[in-house]
Amino acid sequence: MLMVTLNYIPGKEFEAIGIVKGSSIRTVHAGKDIMNGLKTLVGGELDSYNEMMNEARAYATKRMEDDARNLGADAIVNVRYSSSSVAQSAAEVMAYGTAVKFIPKEA
């Protein structure tokens, strides 16, 4: 499914169907969390948290896409992501946008 952060799709006319969304709450296991805590003492990238957030975005995007397909959408415009901490070492990622149906061009 086509997904764009723009509020238009070049060369396409469409009608809005509705808002679609998907979310995922992910965490790292305690061992990785302890290691990340120690890493903050010396600095550097927290790879397991990056992996956690990448997985959360992927699940949220898939769920948003499924929501759009259930509405019969052809695409999602104005796609956005937000994240928030829901507990220590756990984060929610929300993907949302507007599901649209293409208007066929008349011959």
PDB file of N, CA and C in Angstrom:
ATOM      1  N   MET A   1       0.847  -1.174   0.000  1.00  0.00           N
ATOM      2  CA  MET A   1       0.000   0.000   0.000  1.00  0.00           C
ATOM      3  C   MET A   1       0.891   1.235   0.000  1.00  0.00           C
ATOM      4  N   LEU A   2       0.502   2.212  -0.800  1.00  0.00           N
ATOM      5  CA  LEU A   2       1.240   3.464  -0.869  1.00  0.00           C
ATOM      6  C   LEU A   2       1.001   4.270   0.408  1.00  0.00           C
ATOM      7  N   MET A   3       2.096   4.724   1.020  1.00  0.00           N
ATOM      8  CA  MET A   3       2.009   5.571   2.207  1.00  0.00           C
ATOM      9  C   MET A   3       2.934   6.757   2.007  1.00  0.00           C
ATOM     10  N   VAL A   4       2.431   7.959   2.243  1.00  0.00           N
ATOM     11  CA  VAL A   4       3.244   9.158   2.070  1.00  0.00           C
ATOM     12  C   VAL A   4       3.049  10.094   3.252  1.00  0.00           C
ATOM     13  N   THR A   5       4.078  10.894   3.514  1.00  0.00           N
ATOM     14  CA  THR A   5       3.959  11.910   4.559  1.00  0.00           C
ATOM     15  C   THR A   5       3.353  13.200   4.025  1.00  0.00           C
ATOM     16  N   LEU A   6       3.195  13.277   2.716  1.00  0.00           N
ATOM     17  CA  LEU A   6       2.559  14.439   2.088  1.00  0.00           C
ATOM     18  C   LEU A   6       1.049  14.352   2.279  1.00  0.00           C
ATOM     19  N   ASN A   7       0.362  15.485   2.099  1.00  0.00           N
ATOM     20  CA  ASN A   7      -1.100  15.439   2.161  1.00  0.00           C
ATOM     21  C   ASN A   7      -1.700  15.325   0.759  1.00  0.00           C
ATOM     22  N   TYR A   8      -0.864  15.003  -0.212  1.00  0.00           N
ATOM     23  CA  TYR A   8      -1.314  14.758  -1.580  1.00  0.00           C
ATOM     24  C   TYR A   8      -0.418  13.698  -2.199  1.00  0.00           C
ATOM     25  N   ILE A   9      -0.882  13.129  -3.308  1.00  0.00           N
ATOM     26  CA  ILE A   9      -0.087  12.169  -4.072  1.00  0.00           C
ATOM     27  C   ILE A   9      -0.016  12.724  -5.486  1.00  0.00           C
ATOM     28  N   PRO A  10       1.174  13.087  -5.942  1.00  0.00           N
ATOM     29  CA  PRO A  10       1.294  13.677  -7.275  1.00  0.00           C
ATOM     30  C   PRO A  10       0.612  12.825  -8.347  1.00  0.00           C
ATOM     31  N   GLY A  11      -0.235  13.472  -9.155  1.00  0.00           N
ATOM     32  CA  GLY A  11      -0.902  12.798 -10.252  1.00  0.00           C
ATOM     33  C   GLY A  11      -2.128  11.994  -9.870  1.00  0.00           C
ATOM     34  N   LYS A  12      -2.518  12.011  -8.608  1.00  0.00           N
ATOM     35  CA  LYS A  12      -3.670  11.222  -8.156  1.00  0.00           C
ATOM     36  C   LYS A  12      -4.713  12.134  -7.521  1.00  0.00           C
ATOM     37  N   GLU A  13      -5.968  11.835  -7.828  1.00  0.00           N
ATOM     38  CA  GLU A  13      -7.071  12.468  -7.114  1.00  0.00           C
ATOM     39  C   GLU A  13      -7.666  11.408  -6.206  1.00  0.00           C
ATOM     40  N   PHE A  14      -8.086  11.823  -5.029  1.00  0.00           N
ATOM     41  CA  PHE A  14      -8.619  10.851  -4.076  1.00  0.00           C
ATOM     42  C   PHE A  14      -9.635  11.500  -3.155  1.00  0.00           C
ATOM     43  N   GLU A  15     -10.383  10.634  -2.488  1.00  0.00           N
ATOM     44  CA  GLU A  15     -11.303  11.088  -1.453  1.00  0.00           C
ATOM     45  C   GLU A  15     -10.869  10.445  -0.138  1.00  0.00           C
ATOM     46  N   ALA A  16     -11.004  11.201   0.923  1.00  0.00           N
ATOM     47  CA  ALA A  16     -10.633  10.697   2.241  1.00  0.00           C
ATOM     48  C   ALA A  16     -11.687   9.706   2.724  1.00  0.00           C
ATOM     49  N   ILE A  17     -11.221   8.614   3.279  1.00  0.00           N
ATOM     50  CA  ILE A  17     -12.126   7.612   3.860  1.00  0.00           C
ATOM     51  C   ILE A  17     -12.208   7.799   5.375  1.00  0.00           C
ATOM     52  N   GLY A  18     -11.072   8.047   5.985  1.00  0.00           N
ATOM     53  CA  GLY A  18     -11.057   8.224   7.434  1.00  0.00           C
ATOM     54  C   GLY A  18      -9.653   8.108   8.007  1.00  0.00           C
ATOM     55  N   ILE A  19      -9.567   8.364   9.272  1.00  0.00           N
ATOM     56  CA  ILE A  19      -8.298   8.261   9.992  1.00  0.00           C
ATOM     57  C   ILE A  19      -8.006   6.785  10.257  1.00  0.00           C
ATOM     58  N   VAL A  20      -6.748   6.404  10.048  1.00  0.00           N
ATOM     59  CA  VAL A  20      -6.315   5.043  10.362  1.00  0.00           C
ATOM     60  C   VAL A  20      -5.137   5.128  11.316  1.00  0.00           C
ATOM     61  N   LYS A  21      -4.984   4.089  12.115  1.00  0.00           N
ATOM     62  CA  LYS A  21      -3.926   4.109  13.112  1.00  0.00           C
ATOM     63  C   LYS A  21      -3.469   2.697  13.410  1.00  0.00           C
ATOM     64  N   GLY A  22      -2.307   2.620  14.004  1.00  0.00           N
ATOM     65  CA  GLY A  22      -1.768   1.364  14.499  1.00  0.00           C
ATOM     66  C   GLY A  22      -0.799   1.690  15.613  1.00  0.00           C
ATOM     67  N   SER A  23      -0.716   0.819  16.595  1.00  0.00           N
ATOM     68  CA  SER A  23       0.228   1.079  17.680  1.00  0.00           C
ATOM     69  C   SER A  23       0.893  -0.216  18.118  1.00  0.00           C
ATOM     70  N   SER A  24       2.012  -0.052  18.796  1.00  0.00           N
ATOM     71  CA  SER A  24       2.744  -1.176  19.353  1.00  0.00           C
ATOM     72  C   SER A  24       3.464  -0.707  20.601  1.00  0.00           C
ATOM     73  N   ILE A  25       3.392  -1.497  21.634  1.00  0.00           N
ATOM     74  CA  ILE A  25       4.133  -1.215  22.864  1.00  0.00           C
ATOM     75  C   ILE A  25       5.177  -2.313  23.004  1.00  0.00           C
ATOM     76  N   ARG A  26       6.420  -1.906  23.079  1.00  0.00           N
ATOM     77  CA  ARG A  26       7.533  -2.848  23.120  1.00  0.00           C
ATOM     78  C   ARG A  26       8.418  -2.550  24.335  1.00  0.00           C
ATOM     79  N   THR A  27       9.174  -3.564  24.723  1.00  0.00           N
ATOM     80  CA  THR A  27      10.147  -3.415  25.800  1.00  0.00           C
ATOM     81  C   THR A  27      11.351  -4.302  25.500  1.00  0.00           C
ATOM     82  N   VAL A  28      12.428  -4.054  26.196  1.00  0.00           N
ATOM     83  CA  VAL A  28      13.593  -4.927  26.114  1.00  0.00           C
ATOM     84  C   VAL A  28      13.617  -5.782  27.374  1.00  0.00           C
ATOM     85  N   HIS A  29      14.245  -6.947  27.283  1.00  0.00           N
ATOM     86  CA  HIS A  29      14.283  -7.793  28.475  1.00  0.00           C
ATOM     87  C   HIS A  29      15.246  -7.200  29.517  1.00  0.00           C
ATOM     88  N   ALA A  30      15.100  -7.636  30.743  1.00  0.00           N
ATOM     89  CA  ALA A  30      15.815  -7.049  31.877  1.00  0.00           C
ATOM     90  C   ALA A  30      17.332  -7.049  31.694  1.00  0.00           C
ATOM     91  N   GLY A  31      17.876  -8.115  31.120  1.00  0.00           N
ATOM     92  CA  GLY A  31      19.330  -8.187  30.923  1.00  0.00           C
ATOM     93  C   GLY A  31      19.828  -7.071  30.016  1.00  0.00           C
ATOM     94  N   LYS A  32      19.134  -6.846  28.918  1.00  0.00           N
ATOM     95  CA  LYS A  32      19.529  -5.772  28.000  1.00  0.00           C
ATOM     96  C   LYS A  32      19.325  -4.412  28.661  1.00  0.00           C
ATOM     97  N   ASP A  33      18.275  -4.301  29.467  1.00  0.00           N
ATOM     98  CA  ASP A  33      18.013  -3.033  30.143  1.00  0.00           C
ATOM     99  C   ASP A  33      19.139  -2.697  31.121  1.00  0.00           C
ATOM    100  N   ILE A  34      19.616  -3.696  31.840  1.00  0.00           N
ATOM    101  CA  ILE A  34      20.732  -3.483  32.771  1.00  0.00           C
ATOM    102  C   ILE A  34      21.984  -3.067  32.007  1.00  0.00           C
ATOM    103  N   MET A  35      22.253  -3.749  30.889  1.00  0.00           N
ATOM    104  CA  MET A  35      23.430  -3.411  30.085  1.00  0.00           C
ATOM    105  C   MET A  35      23.319  -1.992  29.521  1.00  0.00           C
ATOM    106  N   ASN A  36      22.112  -1.592  29.108  1.00  0.00           N
ATOM    107  CA  ASN A  36      21.921  -0.228  28.614  1.00  0.00           C
ATOM    108  C   ASN A  36      22.158   0.787  29.718  1.00  0.00           C
ATOM    109  N   GLY A  37      21.731   0.445  30.933  1.00  0.00           N
ATOM    110  CA  GLY A  37      21.966   1.333  32.073  1.00  0.00           C
ATOM    111  C   GLY A  37      23.456   1.536  32.311  1.00  0.00           C
ATOM    112  N   LEU A  38      24.231   0.470  32.217  1.00  0.00           N
ATOM    113  CA  LEU A  38      25.680   0.574  32.386  1.00  0.00           C
ATOM    114  C   LEU A  38      26.313   1.369  31.247  1.00  0.00           C
ATOM    115  N   LYS A  39      25.772   1.200  30.031  1.00  0.00           N
ATOM    116  CA  LYS A  39      26.329   1.895  28.871  1.00  0.00           C
ATOM    117  C   LYS A  39      26.149   3.407  28.988  1.00  0.00           C
ATOM    118  N   THR A  40      25.129   3.840  29.718  1.00  0.00           N
ATOM    119  CA  THR A  40      24.930   5.287  29.870  1.00  0.00           C
ATOM    120  C   THR A  40      26.075   5.928  30.651  1.00  0.00           C
ATOM    121  N   LEU A  41      26.823   5.125  31.379  1.00  0.00           N
ATOM    122  CA  LEU A  41      27.971   5.648  32.121  1.00  0.00           C
ATOM    123  C   LEU A  41      29.132   6.028  31.204  1.00  0.00           C
ATOM    124  N   VAL A  42      29.277   5.284  30.111  1.00  0.00           N
ATOM    125  CA  VAL A  42      30.400   5.527  29.194  1.00  0.00           C
ATOM    126  C   VAL A  42      29.977   6.188  27.892  1.00  0.00           C
ATOM    127  N   GLY A  43      28.686   6.189  27.623  1.00  0.00           N
ATOM    128  CA  GLY A  43      28.180   6.813  26.400  1.00  0.00           C
ATOM    129  C   GLY A  43      28.143   5.839  25.245  1.00  0.00           C
ATOM    130  N   GLY A  44      27.476   6.246  24.221  1.00  0.00           N
ATOM    131  CA  GLY A  44      27.375   5.424  23.023  1.00  0.00           C
ATOM    132  C   GLY A  44      25.931   5.121  22.680  1.00  0.00           C
ATOM    133  N   GLU A  45      25.771   4.481  21.553  1.00  0.00           N
ATOM    134  CA  GLU A  45      24.427   4.155  21.065  1.00  0.00           C
ATOM    135  C   GLU A  45      23.869   2.949  21.808  1.00  0.00           C
ATOM    136  N   LEU A  46      22.602   3.010  22.134  1.00  0.00           N
ATOM    137  CA  LEU A  46      21.927   1.927  22.834  1.00  0.00           C
ATOM    138  C   LEU A  46      21.225   1.051  21.794  1.00  0.00           C
ATOM    139  N   ASP A  47      21.980   0.110  21.240  1.00  0.00           N
ATOM    140  CA  ASP A  47      21.511  -0.686  20.109  1.00  0.00           C
ATOM    141  C   ASP A  47      20.219  -1.441  20.394  1.00  0.00           C
ATOM    142  N   SER A  48      20.076  -2.014  21.582  1.00  0.00           N
ATOM    143  CA  SER A  48      18.862  -2.798  21.855  1.00  0.00           C
ATOM    144  C   SER A  48      17.624  -1.894  21.914  1.00  0.00           C
ATOM    145  N   TYR A  49      17.801  -0.640  22.344  1.00  0.00           N
ATOM    146  CA  TYR A  49      16.663   0.289  22.331  1.00  0.00           C
ATOM    147  C   TYR A  49      16.337   0.700  20.896  1.00  0.00           C
ATOM    148  N   ASN A  50      17.365   0.887  20.060  1.00  0.00           N
ATOM    149  CA  ASN A  50      17.116   1.169  18.643  1.00  0.00           C
ATOM    150  C   ASN A  50      16.331   0.035  18.001  1.00  0.00           C
ATOM    151  N   GLU A  51      16.755  -1.180  18.280  1.00  0.00           N
ATOM    152  CA  GLU A  51      16.072  -2.350  17.730  1.00  0.00           C
ATOM    153  C   GLU A  51      14.624  -2.406  18.218  1.00  0.00           C
ATOM    154  N   MET A  52      14.428  -2.133  19.492  1.00  0.00           N
ATOM    155  CA  MET A  52      13.081  -2.145  20.071  1.00  0.00           C
ATOM    156  C   MET A  52      12.182  -1.125  19.367  1.00  0.00           C
ATOM    157  N   MET A  53      12.693   0.090  19.160  1.00  0.00           N
ATOM    158  CA  MET A  53      11.895   1.137  18.538  1.00  0.00           C
ATOM    159  C   MET A  53      11.653   0.838  17.054  1.00  0.00           C
ATOM    160  N   ASN A  54      12.643   0.278  16.360  1.00  0.00           N
ATOM    161  CA  ASN A  54      12.443  -0.110  14.955  1.00  0.00           C
ATOM    162  C   ASN A  54      11.348  -1.170  14.830  1.00  0.00           C
ATOM    163  N   GLU A  55      11.362  -2.147  15.729  1.00  0.00           N
ATOM    164  CA  GLU A  55      10.320  -3.181  15.721  1.00  0.00           C
ATOM    165  C   GLU A  55       8.954  -2.566  16.021  1.00  0.00           C
ATOM    166  N   ALA A  56       8.907  -1.672  16.993  1.00  0.00           N
ATOM    167  CA  ALA A  56       7.639  -1.033  17.348  1.00  0.00           C
ATOM    168  C   ALA A  56       7.087  -0.231  16.172  1.00  0.00           C
ATOM    169  N   ARG A  57       7.949   0.507  15.459  1.00  0.00           N
ATOM    170  CA  ARG A  57       7.491   1.267  14.279  1.00  0.00           C
ATOM    171  C   ARG A  57       6.972   0.330  13.194  1.00  0.00           C
ATOM    172  N   ALA A  58       7.668  -0.781  12.988  1.00  0.00           N
ATOM    173  CA  ALA A  58       7.248  -1.739  11.952  1.00  0.00           C
ATOM    174  C   ALA A  58       5.875  -2.336  12.285  1.00  0.00           C
ATOM    175  N   TYR A  59       5.678  -2.733  13.534  1.00  0.00           N
ATOM    176  CA  TYR A  59       4.379  -3.285  13.935  1.00  0.00           C
ATOM    177  C   TYR A  59       3.286  -2.226  13.841  1.00  0.00           C
ATOM    178  N   ALA A  60       3.563  -1.021  14.287  1.00  0.00           N
ATOM    179  CA  ALA A  60       2.572   0.049  14.235  1.00  0.00           C
ATOM    180  C   ALA A  60       2.195   0.371  12.798  1.00  0.00           C
ATOM    181  N   THR A  61       3.196   0.411  11.903  1.00  0.00           N
ATOM    182  CA  THR A  61       2.934   0.689  10.494  1.00  0.00           C
ATOM    183  C   THR A  61       2.074  -0.409   9.882  1.00  0.00           C
ATOM    184  N   LYS A  62       2.402  -1.666  10.165  1.00  0.00           N
ATOM    185  CA  LYS A  62       1.627  -2.791   9.637  1.00  0.00           C
ATOM    186  C   LYS A  62       0.190  -2.726  10.133  1.00  0.00           C
ATOM    187  N   ARG A  63      -0.016  -2.404  11.387  1.00  0.00           N
ATOM    188  CA  ARG A  63      -1.374  -2.333  11.932  1.00  0.00           C
ATOM    189  C   ARG A  63      -2.159  -1.180  11.325  1.00  0.00           C
ATOM    190  N   MET A  64      -1.481  -0.057  11.055  1.00  0.00           N
ATOM    191  CA  MET A  64      -2.135   1.069  10.389  1.00  0.00           C
ATOM    192  C   MET A  64      -2.535   0.652   8.970  1.00  0.00           C
ATOM    193  N   GLU A  65      -1.629  -0.025   8.269  1.00  0.00           N
ATOM    194  CA  GLU A  65      -1.913  -0.486   6.913  1.00  0.00           C
ATOM    195  C   GLU A  65      -3.092  -1.460   6.910  1.00  0.00           C
ATOM    196  N   ASP A  66      -3.136  -2.380   7.868  1.00  0.00           N
ATOM    197  CA  ASP A  66      -4.257  -3.317   7.976  1.00  0.00           C
ATOM    198  C   ASP A  66      -5.570  -2.572   8.208  1.00  0.00           C
ATOM    199  N   ASP A  67      -5.528  -1.535   9.044  1.00  0.00           N
ATOM    200  CA  ASP A  67      -6.706  -0.717   9.315  1.00  0.00           C
ATOM    201  C   ASP A  67      -7.201  -0.071   8.021  1.00  0.00           C
ATOM    202  N   ALA A  68      -6.274   0.444   7.215  1.00  0.00           N
ATOM    203  CA  ALA A  68      -6.631   1.080   5.944  1.00  0.00           C
ATOM    204  C   ALA A  68      -7.199   0.060   4.963  1.00  0.00           C
ATOM    205  N   ARG A  69      -6.594  -1.111   4.876  1.00  0.00           N
ATOM    206  CA  ARG A  69      -7.101  -2.153   3.974  1.00  0.00           C
ATOM    207  C   ARG A  69      -8.527  -2.548   4.349  1.00  0.00           C
ATOM    208  N   ASN A  70      -8.800  -2.628   5.648  1.00  0.00           N
ATOM    209  CA  ASN A  70     -10.150  -2.975   6.106  1.00  0.00           C
ATOM    210  C   ASN A  70     -11.183  -1.932   5.689  1.00  0.00           C
ATOM    211  N   LEU A  71     -10.743  -0.711   5.464  1.00  0.00           N
ATOM    212  CA  LEU A  71     -11.641   0.353   4.996  1.00  0.00           C
ATOM    213  C   LEU A  71     -11.720   0.403   3.467  1.00  0.00           C
ATOM    214  N   GLY A  72     -10.935  -0.415   2.783  1.00  0.00           N
ATOM    215  CA  GLY A  72     -10.917  -0.419   1.324  1.00  0.00           C
ATOM    216  C   GLY A  72     -10.064   0.687   0.734  1.00  0.00           C
ATOM    217  N   ALA A  73      -9.091   1.160   1.478  1.00  0.00           N
ATOM    218  CA  ALA A  73      -8.244   2.269   1.025  1.00  0.00           C
ATOM    219  C   ALA A  73      -7.239   1.823  -0.022  1.00  0.00           C
ATOM    220  N   ASP A  74      -6.853   2.781  -0.856  1.00  0.00           N
ATOM    221  CA  ASP A  74      -5.794   2.565  -1.840  1.00  0.00           C
ATOM    222  C   ASP A  74      -4.453   3.083  -1.343  1.00  0.00           C
ATOM    223  N   ALA A  75      -4.490   4.034  -0.419  1.00  0.00           N
ATOM    224  CA  ALA A  75      -3.257   4.658   0.072  1.00  0.00           C
ATOM    225  C   ALA A  75      -3.531   5.318   1.420  1.00  0.00           C
ATOM    226  N   ILE A  76      -2.438   5.741   2.053  1.00  0.00           N
ATOM    227  CA  ILE A  76      -2.533   6.513   3.292  1.00  0.00           C
ATOM    228  C   ILE A  76      -1.694   7.766   3.098  1.00  0.00           C
ATOM    229  N   VAL A  77      -2.296   8.921   3.319  1.00  0.00           N
ATOM    230  CA  VAL A  77      -1.579  10.188   3.192  1.00  0.00           C
ATOM    231  C   VAL A  77      -1.378  10.796   4.576  1.00  0.00           C
ATOM    232  N   ASN A  78      -0.447  11.739   4.629  1.00  0.00           N
ATOM    233  CA  ASN A  78      -0.155  12.474   5.859  1.00  0.00           C
ATOM    234  C   ASN A  78       0.219  11.532   7.006  1.00  0.00           C
ATOM    235  N   VAL A  79       1.047  10.529   6.709  1.00  0.00           N
ATOM    236  CA  VAL A  79       1.462   9.544   7.707  1.00  0.00           C
ATOM    237  C   VAL A  79       2.363  10.218   8.742  1.00  0.00           C
ATOM    238  N   ARG A  80       2.093   9.940   9.984  1.00  0.00           N
ATOM    239  CA  ARG A  80       2.865  10.488  11.099  1.00  0.00           C
ATOM    240  C   ARG A  80       3.124   9.393  12.122  1.00  0.00           C
ATOM    241  N   TYR A  81       4.158   9.607  12.922  1.00  0.00           N
ATOM    242  CA  TYR A  81       4.496   8.701  14.017  1.00  0.00           C
ATOM    243  C   TYR A  81       4.642   9.508  15.295  1.00  0.00           C
ATOM    244  N   SER A  82       4.250   8.902  16.389  1.00  0.00           N
ATOM    245  CA  SER A  82       4.511   9.500  17.693  1.00  0.00           C
ATOM    246  C   SER A  82       4.945   8.368  18.623  1.00  0.00           C
ATOM    247  N   SER A  83       5.652   8.738  19.656  1.00  0.00           N
ATOM    248  CA  SER A  83       6.078   7.730  20.627  1.00  0.00           C
ATOM    249  C   SER A  83       5.978   8.305  22.025  1.00  0.00           C
ATOM    250  N   SER A  84       5.818   7.403  22.971  1.00  0.00           N
ATOM    251  CA  SER A  84       5.767   7.825  24.364  1.00  0.00           C
ATOM    252  C   SER A  84       6.238   6.674  25.240  1.00  0.00           C
ATOM    253  N   SER A  85       6.746   7.029  26.374  1.00  0.00           N
ATOM    254  CA  SER A  85       7.183   6.042  27.351  1.00  0.00           C
ATOM    255  C   SER A  85       5.960   5.632  28.166  1.00  0.00           C
ATOM    256  N   VAL A  86       5.747   4.323  28.302  1.00  0.00           N
ATOM    257  CA  VAL A  86       4.598   3.852  29.073  1.00  0.00           C
ATOM    258  C   VAL A  86       5.019   3.191  30.382  1.00  0.00           C
ATOM    259  N   ALA A  87       6.281   2.822  30.477  1.00  0.00           N
ATOM    260  CA  ALA A  87       6.856   2.240  31.689  1.00  0.00           C
ATOM    261  C   ALA A  87       8.360   2.284  31.510  1.00  0.00           C
ATOM    262  N   GLN A  88       9.092   2.001  32.582  1.00  0.00           N
ATOM    263  CA  GLN A  88      10.539   1.991  32.456  1.00  0.00           C
ATOM    264  C   GLN A  88      10.936   0.941  31.414  1.00  0.00           C
ATOM    265  N   SER A  89      11.692   1.353  30.422  1.00  0.00           N
ATOM    266  CA  SER A  89      12.187   0.493  29.340  1.00  0.00           C
ATOM    267  C   SER A  89      11.097   0.008  28.391  1.00  0.00           C
ATOM    268  N   ALA A  90       9.929   0.631  28.413  1.00  0.00           N
ATOM    269  CA  ALA A  90       8.856   0.269  27.482  1.00  0.00           C
ATOM    270  C   ALA A  90       8.352   1.531  26.804  1.00  0.00           C
ATOM    271  N   ALA A  91       8.106   1.412  25.510  1.00  0.00           N
ATOM    272  CA  ALA A  91       7.635   2.568  24.752  1.00  0.00           C
ATOM    273  C   ALA A  91       6.515   2.163  23.812  1.00  0.00           C
ATOM    274  N   GLU A  92       5.617   3.104  23.568  1.00  0.00           N
ATOM    275  CA  GLU A  92       4.559   2.912  22.581  1.00  0.00           C
ATOM    276  C   GLU A  92       4.895   3.748  21.358  1.00  0.00           C
ATOM    277  N   VAL A  93       4.708   3.168  20.196  1.00  0.00           N
ATOM    278  CA  VAL A  93       4.811   3.904  18.948  1.00  0.00           C
ATOM    279  C   VAL A  93       3.433   3.863  18.306  1.00  0.00           C
ATOM    280  N   MET A  94       2.961   5.021  17.898  1.00  0.00           N
ATOM    281  CA  MET A  94       1.672   5.145  17.217  1.00  0.00           C
ATOM    282  C   MET A  94       1.942   5.641  15.805  1.00  0.00           C
ATOM    283  N   ALA A  95       1.370   4.968  14.822  1.00  0.00           N
ATOM    284  CA  ALA A  95       1.415   5.401  13.421  1.00  0.00           C
ATOM    285  C   ALA A  95      -0.011   5.793  13.051  1.00  0.00           C
ATOM    286  N   TYR A  96      -0.153   6.926  12.371  1.00  0.00           N
ATOM    287  CA  TYR A  96      -1.499   7.349  11.990  1.00  0.00           C
ATOM    288  C   TYR A  96      -1.454   8.171  10.714  1.00  0.00           C
ATOM    289  N   GLY A  97      -2.572   8.220  10.039  1.00  0.00           N
ATOM    290  CA  GLY A  97      -2.684   8.961   8.797  1.00  0.00           C
ATOM    291  C   GLY A  97      -4.119   8.957   8.312  1.00  0.00           C
ATOM    292  N   THR A  98      -4.307   9.417   7.084  1.00  0.00           N
ATOM    293  CA  THR A  98      -5.637   9.462   6.484  1.00  0.00           C
ATOM    294  C   THR A  98      -5.713   8.450   5.351  1.00  0.00           C
ATOM    295  N   ALA A  99      -6.651   7.508   5.468  1.00  0.00           N
ATOM    296  CA  ALA A  99      -6.876   6.528   4.410  1.00  0.00           C
ATOM    297  C   ALA A  99      -7.638   7.199   3.282  1.00  0.00           C
ATOM    298  N   VAL A 100      -7.208   6.908   2.052  1.00  0.00           N
ATOM    299  CA  VAL A 100      -7.846   7.531   0.885  1.00  0.00           C
ATOM    300  C   VAL A 100      -8.164   6.481  -0.170  1.00  0.00           C
ATOM    301  N   LYS A 101      -9.162   6.789  -0.969  1.00  0.00           N
ATOM    302  CA  LYS A 101      -9.559   5.955  -2.110  1.00  0.00           C
ATOM    303  C   LYS A 101      -9.352   6.787  -3.361  1.00  0.00           C
ATOM    304  N   PHE A 102      -8.630   6.225  -4.351  1.00  0.00           N
ATOM    305  CA  PHE A 102      -8.371   6.957  -5.586  1.00  0.00           C
ATOM    306  C   PHE A 102      -9.649   7.147  -6.383  1.00  0.00           C
ATOM    307  N   ILE A 103      -9.761   8.306  -7.024  1.00  0.00           N
ATOM    308  CA  ILE A 103     -10.865   8.605  -7.923  1.00  0.00           C
ATOM    309  C   ILE A 103     -10.375   8.315  -9.338  1.00  0.00           C
ATOM    310  N   PRO A 104     -11.034   7.386 -10.038  1.00  0.00           N
ATOM    311  CA  PRO A 104     -10.568   7.043 -11.386  1.00  0.00           C
ATOM    312  C   PRO A 104     -10.669   8.254 -12.330  1.00  0.00           C
ATOM    313  N   LYS A 105      -9.682   8.380 -13.198  1.00  0.00           N
ATOM    314  CA  LYS A 105      -9.701   9.451 -14.193  1.00  0.00           C
ATOM    315  C   LYS A 105     -10.688   9.070 -15.285  1.00  0.00           C
ATOM    316  N   GLU A 106     -11.460  10.042 -15.690  1.00  0.00           N
ATOM    317  CA  GLU A 106     -12.421   9.781 -16.762  1.00  0.00           C
ATOM    318  C   GLU A 106     -11.709   9.830 -18.108  1.00  0.00           C
ATOM    319  N   ALA A 107     -12.115   8.936 -18.999  1.00  0.00           N
ATOM    320  CA  ALA A 107     -11.475   8.842 -20.320  1.00  0.00           C
ATOM    321  C   ALA A 107     -11.905   9.952 -21.248  1.00  0.00           C
TER     322      ALA A 107
END
